[in-house]
């Protein structure tokens, strides 16, 4: 009887092991499976001026020159035709505050130098025909961190790889997000903090 129970338990354990192996080989990581199903792959967004989670230098805020920071990205997903970038502050007292909307960046461009023109909705060389949208100040281009005094605010630079171009000028964030629906093939983000 004891031998029968031992054999029974062994067989149960063996089949459970086979089930786990089958899930690993054929089922895969559920998150990875969903990511592949949605077609959205992550890539990398960085800056030479601050690391992810670090303080944004005041040069790039309303306390300094208020110019856009350098950004660059790599490991771009296949099928990318253009990039769109949104910078916003979810910690603003009035709700999420949009600091920069820039899009129709062709896939041949993998970086933005600091101090992108803040006056033009359609940029010239070296960003020819790249479009800038309207931020929460109702202005075109970049507006740097300018939080009220108190705890640090987080500023998320989010870049999206798209399988198309938007080709519509002066969009706000909500309008841009609507246009991007169904066209995002990858995304990356970089977060910096600023406190006054």
C-alpha atoms as a PDB file:
ATOM      1  CA  UNK A   1       0.000   0.000   0.000  1.00  0.00           C
ATOM      2  CA  UNK A   2       2.795   2.360   0.894  1.00  0.00           C
ATOM      3  CA  UNK A   3       4.520   1.593  -2.402  1.00  0.00           C
ATOM      4  CA  UNK A   4       1.286   2.315  -4.287  1.00  0.00           C
ATOM      5  CA  UNK A   5       0.869   5.687  -2.547  1.00  0.00           C
ATOM      6  CA  UNK A   6       4.503   6.534  -3.211  1.00  0.00           C
ATOM      7  CA  UNK A   7       4.085   5.684  -6.926  1.00  0.00           C
ATOM      8  CA  UNK A   8       0.832   7.669  -7.110  1.00  0.00           C
ATOM      9  CA  UNK A   9       2.419  10.765  -5.548  1.00  0.00           C
ATOM     10  CA  UNK A  10       5.427  10.421  -7.832  1.00  0.00           C
ATOM     11  CA  UNK A  11       3.227  10.270 -10.948  1.00  0.00           C
ATOM     12  CA  UNK A  12       1.201  13.309  -9.810  1.00  0.00           C
ATOM     13  CA  UNK A  13       4.409  15.270  -9.206  1.00  0.00           C
ATOM     14  CA  UNK A  14       5.802  14.198 -12.562  1.00  0.00           C
ATOM     15  CA  UNK A  15       2.707  15.327 -14.491  1.00  0.00           C
ATOM     16  CA  UNK A  16       2.617  18.621 -12.583  1.00  0.00           C
ATOM     17  CA  UNK A  17       6.254  19.172 -13.581  1.00  0.00           C
ATOM     18  CA  UNK A  18       5.382  18.475 -17.219  1.00  0.00           C
ATOM     19  CA  UNK A  19       2.549  21.014 -16.996  1.00  0.00           C
ATOM     20  CA  UNK A  20       4.914  23.694 -15.679  1.00  0.00           C
ATOM     21  CA  UNK A  21       7.440  22.950 -18.401  1.00  0.00           C
ATOM     22  CA  UNK A  22       4.706  23.124 -21.024  1.00  0.00           C
ATOM     23  CA  UNK A  23       3.592  26.525 -19.743  1.00  0.00           C
ATOM     24  CA  UNK A  24       7.153  27.789 -19.777  1.00  0.00           C
ATOM     25  CA  UNK A  25       7.874  26.599 -23.294  1.00  0.00           C
ATOM     26  CA  UNK A  26       4.546  27.298 -24.947  1.00  0.00           C
ATOM     27  CA  UNK A  27       2.755  29.746 -22.702  1.00  0.00           C
ATOM     28  CA  UNK A  28       5.629  32.120 -21.989  1.00  0.00           C
ATOM     29  CA  UNK A  29       5.594  35.108 -19.685  1.00  0.00           C
ATOM     30  CA  UNK A  30       2.002  36.469 -19.671  1.00  0.00           C
ATOM     31  CA  UNK A  31       3.248  40.079 -19.676  1.00  0.00           C
ATOM     32  CA  UNK A  32       5.596  39.369 -22.582  1.00  0.00           C
ATOM     33  CA  UNK A  33       2.781  37.617 -24.430  1.00  0.00           C
ATOM     34  CA  UNK A  34       0.464  40.601 -23.944  1.00  0.00           C
ATOM     35  CA  UNK A  35       3.224  42.987 -24.981  1.00  0.00           C
ATOM     36  CA  UNK A  36       3.779  41.059 -28.206  1.00  0.00           C
ATOM     37  CA  UNK A  37       0.051  40.800 -28.824  1.00  0.00           C
ATOM     38  CA  UNK A  38      -0.385  44.549 -28.490  1.00  0.00           C
ATOM     39  CA  UNK A  39       2.726  45.075 -30.591  1.00  0.00           C
ATOM     40  CA  UNK A  40       4.185  47.607 -28.166  1.00  0.00           C
ATOM     41  CA  UNK A  41       7.835  47.029 -27.405  1.00  0.00           C
ATOM     42  CA  UNK A  42       9.856  49.090 -24.974  1.00  0.00           C
ATOM     43  CA  UNK A  43      13.016  50.914 -25.996  1.00  0.00           C
ATOM     44  CA  UNK A  44      15.338  53.418 -24.275  1.00  0.00           C
ATOM     45  CA  UNK A  45      15.139  57.188 -23.743  1.00  0.00           C
ATOM     46  CA  UNK A  46      18.065  59.035 -22.114  1.00  0.00           C
ATOM     47  CA  UNK A  47      19.559  62.495 -21.654  1.00  0.00           C
ATOM     48  CA  UNK A  48      23.091  63.793 -21.270  1.00  0.00           C
ATOM     49  CA  UNK A  49      21.844  66.355 -18.754  1.00  0.00           C
ATOM     50  CA  UNK A  50      20.167  64.166 -16.122  1.00  0.00           C
ATOM     51  CA  UNK A  51      19.642  60.490 -15.296  1.00  0.00           C
ATOM     52  CA  UNK A  52      16.273  58.821 -14.797  1.00  0.00           C
ATOM     53  CA  UNK A  53      14.887  59.865 -11.403  1.00  0.00           C
ATOM     54  CA  UNK A  54      17.459  62.635 -10.876  1.00  0.00           C
ATOM     55  CA  UNK A  55      17.016  66.379 -10.536  1.00  0.00           C
ATOM     56  CA  UNK A  56      16.583  68.339 -13.765  1.00  0.00           C
ATOM     57  CA  UNK A  57      19.236  71.092 -13.870  1.00  0.00           C
ATOM     58  CA  UNK A  58      17.729  74.573 -13.419  1.00  0.00           C
ATOM     59  CA  UNK A  59      19.045  75.563 -16.864  1.00  0.00           C
ATOM     60  CA  UNK A  60      16.098  73.641 -18.317  1.00  0.00           C
ATOM     61  CA  UNK A  61      13.480  75.227 -16.032  1.00  0.00           C
ATOM     62  CA  UNK A  62      11.803  78.610 -15.633  1.00  0.00           C
ATOM     63  CA  UNK A  63      14.477  79.440 -13.027  1.00  0.00           C
ATOM     64  CA  UNK A  64      17.178  79.188 -15.699  1.00  0.00           C
ATOM     65  CA  UNK A  65      17.258  79.466 -19.493  1.00  0.00           C
ATOM     66  CA  UNK A  66      14.011  77.496 -19.822  1.00  0.00           C
ATOM     67  CA  UNK A  67      15.320  75.527 -22.808  1.00  0.00           C
ATOM     68  CA  UNK A  68      14.578  71.916 -23.689  1.00  0.00           C
ATOM     69  CA  UNK A  69      17.154  69.311 -22.595  1.00  0.00           C
ATOM     70  CA  UNK A  70      19.099  67.007 -24.865  1.00  0.00           C
ATOM     71  CA  UNK A  71      17.350  63.658 -25.391  1.00  0.00           C
ATOM     72  CA  UNK A  72      18.364  60.548 -27.313  1.00  0.00           C
ATOM     73  CA  UNK A  73      16.927  57.068 -27.827  1.00  0.00           C
ATOM     74  CA  UNK A  74      17.918  53.668 -29.175  1.00  0.00           C
ATOM     75  CA  UNK A  75      16.734  50.044 -29.553  1.00  0.00           C
ATOM     76  CA  UNK A  76      13.909  51.357 -31.716  1.00  0.00           C
ATOM     77  CA  UNK A  77      11.193  48.797 -32.597  1.00  0.00           C
ATOM     78  CA  UNK A  78      10.807  47.487 -36.130  1.00  0.00           C
ATOM     79  CA  UNK A  79       8.098  49.190 -38.137  1.00  0.00           C
ATOM     80  CA  UNK A  80       8.783  52.642 -36.696  1.00  0.00           C
ATOM     81  CA  UNK A  81       8.170  55.515 -39.113  1.00  0.00           C
ATOM     82  CA  UNK A  82       8.069  58.452 -36.710  1.00  0.00           C
ATOM     83  CA  UNK A  83       8.337  59.444 -33.060  1.00  0.00           C
ATOM     84  CA  UNK A  84       6.140  61.595 -30.838  1.00  0.00           C
ATOM     85  CA  UNK A  85       7.300  63.001 -27.513  1.00  0.00           C
ATOM     86  CA  UNK A  86       5.193  64.298 -24.631  1.00  0.00           C
ATOM     87  CA  UNK A  87       6.554  65.888 -21.458  1.00  0.00           C
ATOM     88  CA  UNK A  88       4.138  66.374 -18.586  1.00  0.00           C
ATOM     89  CA  UNK A  89       3.933  66.877 -14.830  1.00  0.00           C
ATOM     90  CA  UNK A  90       1.358  64.689 -13.030  1.00  0.00           C
ATOM     91  CA  UNK A  91       2.059  66.444  -9.705  1.00  0.00           C
ATOM     92  CA  UNK A  92       0.783  69.889 -10.723  1.00  0.00           C
ATOM     93  CA  UNK A  93      -1.852  71.247  -8.313  1.00  0.00           C
ATOM     94  CA  UNK A  94      -4.368  71.784 -11.127  1.00  0.00           C
ATOM     95  CA  UNK A  95      -3.933  68.277 -12.552  1.00  0.00           C
ATOM     96  CA  UNK A  96      -1.518  66.967 -15.186  1.00  0.00           C
ATOM     97  CA  UNK A  97       0.362  69.890 -16.765  1.00  0.00           C
ATOM     98  CA  UNK A  98       1.685  69.459 -20.307  1.00  0.00           C
ATOM     99  CA  UNK A  99       5.133  70.961 -20.895  1.00  0.00           C
ATOM    100  CA  UNK A 100       6.015  69.831 -24.404  1.00  0.00           C
ATOM    101  CA  UNK A 101       4.299  68.193 -27.356  1.00  0.00           C
ATOM    102  CA  UNK A 102       6.531  67.343 -30.341  1.00  0.00           C
ATOM    103  CA  UNK A 103       5.794  64.795 -33.055  1.00  0.00           C
ATOM    104  CA  UNK A 104       6.364  63.639 -36.646  1.00  0.00           C
ATOM    105  CA  UNK A 105      10.032  63.149 -35.784  1.00  0.00           C
ATOM    106  CA  UNK A 106      11.199  60.825 -38.621  1.00  0.00           C
ATOM    107  CA  UNK A 107      12.700  57.455 -37.767  1.00  0.00           C
ATOM    108  CA  UNK A 108      16.069  58.631 -39.120  1.00  0.00           C
ATOM    109  CA  UNK A 109      16.386  61.007 -36.153  1.00  0.00           C
ATOM    110  CA  UNK A 110      17.417  59.393 -32.851  1.00  0.00           C
ATOM    111  CA  UNK A 111      18.072  62.497 -30.739  1.00  0.00           C
ATOM    112  CA  UNK A 112      17.003  66.048 -29.968  1.00  0.00           C
ATOM    113  CA  UNK A 113      19.675  68.610 -29.183  1.00  0.00           C
ATOM    114  CA  UNK A 114      18.993  70.990 -26.313  1.00  0.00           C
ATOM    115  CA  UNK A 115      17.185  74.260 -27.014  1.00  0.00           C
ATOM    116  CA  UNK A 116      14.718  73.163 -29.690  1.00  0.00           C
ATOM    117  CA  UNK A 117      13.049  76.225 -31.228  1.00  0.00           C
ATOM    118  CA  UNK A 118      10.063  77.211 -29.047  1.00  0.00           C
ATOM    119  CA  UNK A 119       8.421  79.552 -31.531  1.00  0.00           C
ATOM    120  CA  UNK A 120       7.692  77.317 -34.515  1.00  0.00           C
ATOM    121  CA  UNK A 121       4.940  74.744 -34.871  1.00  0.00           C
ATOM    122  CA  UNK A 122       6.754  73.428 -37.981  1.00  0.00           C
ATOM    123  CA  UNK A 123      10.492  73.130 -37.394  1.00  0.00           C
ATOM    124  CA  UNK A 124      13.308  73.695 -39.875  1.00  0.00           C
ATOM    125  CA  UNK A 125      16.679  71.998 -40.258  1.00  0.00           C
ATOM    126  CA  UNK A 126      17.946  69.794 -38.690  1.00  0.00           C
ATOM    127  CA  UNK A 127      14.379  68.868 -37.638  1.00  0.00           C
ATOM    128  CA  UNK A 128      12.763  69.744 -40.946  1.00  0.00           C
ATOM    129  CA  UNK A 129       8.972  69.285 -40.913  1.00  0.00           C
ATOM    130  CA  UNK A 130       8.888  68.049 -37.304  1.00  0.00           C
ATOM    131  CA  UNK A 131       5.745  69.430 -35.638  1.00  0.00           C
ATOM    132  CA  UNK A 132       5.240  70.949 -32.197  1.00  0.00           C
ATOM    133  CA  UNK A 133       1.921  71.047 -30.434  1.00  0.00           C
ATOM    134  CA  UNK A 134       0.287  73.215 -27.799  1.00  0.00           C
ATOM    135  CA  UNK A 135       1.258  72.864 -24.128  1.00  0.00           C
ATOM    136  CA  UNK A 136      -0.806  73.701 -21.043  1.00  0.00           C
ATOM    137  CA  UNK A 137       0.260  77.357 -21.248  1.00  0.00           C
ATOM    138  CA  UNK A 138      -1.491  77.343 -24.640  1.00  0.00           C
ATOM    139  CA  UNK A 139       1.897  77.966 -26.249  1.00  0.00           C
ATOM    140  CA  UNK A 140       3.899  76.142 -28.906  1.00  0.00           C
ATOM    141  CA  UNK A 141       7.055  74.287 -27.915  1.00  0.00           C
ATOM    142  CA  UNK A 142       8.817  73.504 -24.667  1.00  0.00           C
ATOM    143  CA  UNK A 143       8.004  75.090 -21.330  1.00  0.00           C
ATOM    144  CA  UNK A 144      10.295  73.956 -18.547  1.00  0.00           C
ATOM    145  CA  UNK A 145       9.478  72.914 -14.979  1.00  0.00           C
ATOM    146  CA  UNK A 146       8.114  75.810 -12.946  1.00  0.00           C
ATOM    147  CA  UNK A 147       6.405  74.249  -9.924  1.00  0.00           C
ATOM    148  CA  UNK A 148       5.136  76.115  -6.871  1.00  0.00           C
ATOM    149  CA  UNK A 149       7.251  75.779  -3.725  1.00  0.00           C
ATOM    150  CA  UNK A 150       6.985  72.534  -1.802  1.00  0.00           C
ATOM    151  CA  UNK A 151       7.741  68.914  -2.580  1.00  0.00           C
ATOM    152  CA  UNK A 152       9.505  67.897  -5.814  1.00  0.00           C
ATOM    153  CA  UNK A 153       7.453  67.425  -8.953  1.00  0.00           C
ATOM    154  CA  UNK A 154       8.059  64.604 -11.414  1.00  0.00           C
ATOM    155  CA  UNK A 155       8.470  65.408 -15.103  1.00  0.00           C
ATOM    156  CA  UNK A 156       7.909  62.523 -17.487  1.00  0.00           C
ATOM    157  CA  UNK A 157       9.448  62.659 -20.954  1.00  0.00           C
ATOM    158  CA  UNK A 158       7.558  59.965 -22.871  1.00  0.00           C
ATOM    159  CA  UNK A 159       8.490  59.005 -26.404  1.00  0.00           C
ATOM    160  CA  UNK A 160       6.315  56.892 -28.675  1.00  0.00           C
ATOM    161  CA  UNK A 161       7.438  54.990 -31.775  1.00  0.00           C
ATOM    162  CA  UNK A 162       4.666  55.161 -34.358  1.00  0.00           C
ATOM    163  CA  UNK A 163       4.024  53.268 -37.593  1.00  0.00           C
ATOM    164  CA  UNK A 164       2.776  56.460 -39.255  1.00  0.00           C
ATOM    165  CA  UNK A 165       3.069  60.252 -39.374  1.00  0.00           C
ATOM    166  CA  UNK A 166       0.372  62.454 -37.824  1.00  0.00           C
ATOM    167  CA  UNK A 167       0.600  65.398 -40.274  1.00  0.00           C
ATOM    168  CA  UNK A 168      -1.726  67.653 -38.278  1.00  0.00           C
ATOM    169  CA  UNK A 169      -0.403  70.904 -36.866  1.00  0.00           C
ATOM    170  CA  UNK A 170      -0.750  72.468 -33.403  1.00  0.00           C
ATOM    171  CA  UNK A 171      -2.315  69.497 -31.627  1.00  0.00           C
ATOM    172  CA  UNK A 172      -2.653  69.463 -27.850  1.00  0.00           C
ATOM    173  CA  UNK A 173      -1.825  66.323 -25.881  1.00  0.00           C
ATOM    174  CA  UNK A 174      -5.357  64.952 -25.902  1.00  0.00           C
ATOM    175  CA  UNK A 175      -5.636  65.397 -29.670  1.00  0.00           C
ATOM    176  CA  UNK A 176      -2.222  63.855 -30.276  1.00  0.00           C
ATOM    177  CA  UNK A 177      -3.006  60.814 -28.129  1.00  0.00           C
ATOM    178  CA  UNK A 178      -6.211  60.274 -30.090  1.00  0.00           C
ATOM    179  CA  UNK A 179      -4.283  60.441 -33.382  1.00  0.00           C
ATOM    180  CA  UNK A 180      -1.705  57.935 -32.087  1.00  0.00           C
ATOM    181  CA  UNK A 181      -4.301  55.299 -31.156  1.00  0.00           C
ATOM    182  CA  UNK A 182      -3.621  52.042 -32.976  1.00  0.00           C
ATOM    183  CA  UNK A 183      -0.260  53.276 -34.284  1.00  0.00           C
ATOM    184  CA  UNK A 184       2.052  52.892 -31.265  1.00  0.00           C
ATOM    185  CA  UNK A 185       4.673  50.176 -31.809  1.00  0.00           C
ATOM    186  CA  UNK A 186       6.879  51.068 -28.848  1.00  0.00           C
ATOM    187  CA  UNK A 187       7.372  53.527 -26.031  1.00  0.00           C
ATOM    188  CA  UNK A 188      10.012  54.709 -23.586  1.00  0.00           C
ATOM    189  CA  UNK A 189      10.206  57.278 -20.827  1.00  0.00           C
ATOM    190  CA  UNK A 190      12.646  59.315 -18.792  1.00  0.00           C
ATOM    191  CA  UNK A 191      11.630  60.952 -15.510  1.00  0.00           C
ATOM    192  CA  UNK A 192      13.324  63.919 -13.907  1.00  0.00           C
ATOM    193  CA  UNK A 193      12.452  65.858 -10.735  1.00  0.00           C
ATOM    194  CA  UNK A 194      12.459  69.525  -9.893  1.00  0.00           C
ATOM    195  CA  UNK A 195      11.732  71.435  -6.688  1.00  0.00           C
ATOM    196  CA  UNK A 196      11.688  75.165  -5.912  1.00  0.00           C
END
